């Protein structure tokens, strides 16, 4: 019973970390290099990536959260 309880807490912690990683991964940065590249002012970063690249990027980001 103790092992099952421990595994439940570890799984809940992992889910919490993945949710936090998801929120941070999808948040936008306040810093934009518009002074250097004004043509990028209207460009959304999400439009520059494919769905596969987003999935791989988030998976790596979440893995870093879980490993840490």
Protein backbone atom coordinates (compact mmCIF):
# COMPACT_ATOMS: atom_id res chain seq x y z
CA UNK A 1 0.00 0.00 0.00
CA UNK A 2 2.83 2.39 0.85
CA UNK A 3 4.47 1.82 -2.55
CA UNK A 4 1.22 2.52 -4.36
CA UNK A 5 0.74 5.75 -2.39
CA UNK A 6 4.30 6.84 -3.18
CA UNK A 7 3.81 6.13 -6.89
CA UNK A 8 0.60 8.15 -6.81
CA UNK A 9 2.38 11.16 -5.32
CA UNK A 10 5.19 10.89 -7.87
CA UNK A 11 2.69 10.67 -10.73
CA UNK A 12 0.73 13.65 -9.39
CA UNK A 13 3.96 15.65 -9.13
CA UNK A 14 4.92 14.72 -12.68
CA UNK A 15 1.52 15.78 -14.00
CA UNK A 16 1.80 19.08 -12.11
CA UNK A 17 5.23 19.72 -13.64
CA UNK A 18 4.00 18.94 -17.14
CA UNK A 19 1.12 21.39 -16.68
CA UNK A 20 3.56 24.06 -15.49
CA UNK A 21 5.85 23.34 -18.45
CA UNK A 22 2.87 23.66 -20.80
CA UNK A 23 1.95 27.05 -19.37
CA UNK A 24 5.52 28.33 -19.61
CA UNK A 25 6.05 26.87 -23.08
CA UNK A 26 2.99 28.67 -24.46
CA UNK A 27 3.62 32.02 -22.77
CA UNK A 28 5.04 34.82 -24.84
CA UNK A 29 8.19 36.68 -23.99
CA UNK A 30 8.00 40.40 -23.34
CA UNK A 31 11.29 40.98 -25.13
CA UNK A 32 11.11 41.44 -28.88
CA UNK A 33 14.01 42.50 -31.09
CA UNK A 34 11.86 44.98 -33.04
CA UNK A 35 14.52 47.65 -32.93
CA UNK A 36 16.88 45.36 -34.81
CA UNK A 37 14.27 43.66 -37.02
CA UNK A 38 11.15 45.82 -37.41
CA UNK A 39 9.79 43.54 -40.15
CA UNK A 40 9.07 40.92 -37.47
CA UNK A 41 6.73 43.20 -35.52
CA UNK A 42 3.53 41.58 -36.84
CA UNK A 43 4.84 37.99 -37.03
CA UNK A 44 3.63 35.37 -34.56
CA UNK A 45 6.30 32.87 -33.57
CA UNK A 46 3.79 30.01 -33.67
CA UNK A 47 3.28 30.66 -37.40
CA UNK A 48 6.96 30.02 -38.07
CA UNK A 49 6.90 26.44 -36.73
CA UNK A 50 5.24 23.24 -37.87
CA UNK A 51 3.03 21.18 -35.56
CA UNK A 52 5.74 18.51 -35.33
CA UNK A 53 8.33 21.06 -34.24
CA UNK A 54 5.97 22.37 -31.56
CA UNK A 55 5.35 18.84 -30.23
CA UNK A 56 9.07 17.98 -30.18
CA UNK A 57 9.90 21.33 -28.55
CA UNK A 58 7.28 20.92 -25.84
CA UNK A 59 8.31 17.30 -25.21
CA UNK A 60 11.93 18.35 -24.73
CA UNK A 61 10.87 21.28 -22.52
CA UNK A 62 8.66 19.05 -20.36
CA UNK A 63 11.42 16.43 -20.14
CA UNK A 64 13.81 19.08 -18.81
CA UNK A 65 11.23 19.99 -16.15
CA UNK A 66 10.81 16.35 -15.13
CA UNK A 67 14.53 15.57 -15.07
CA UNK A 68 15.29 18.62 -12.98
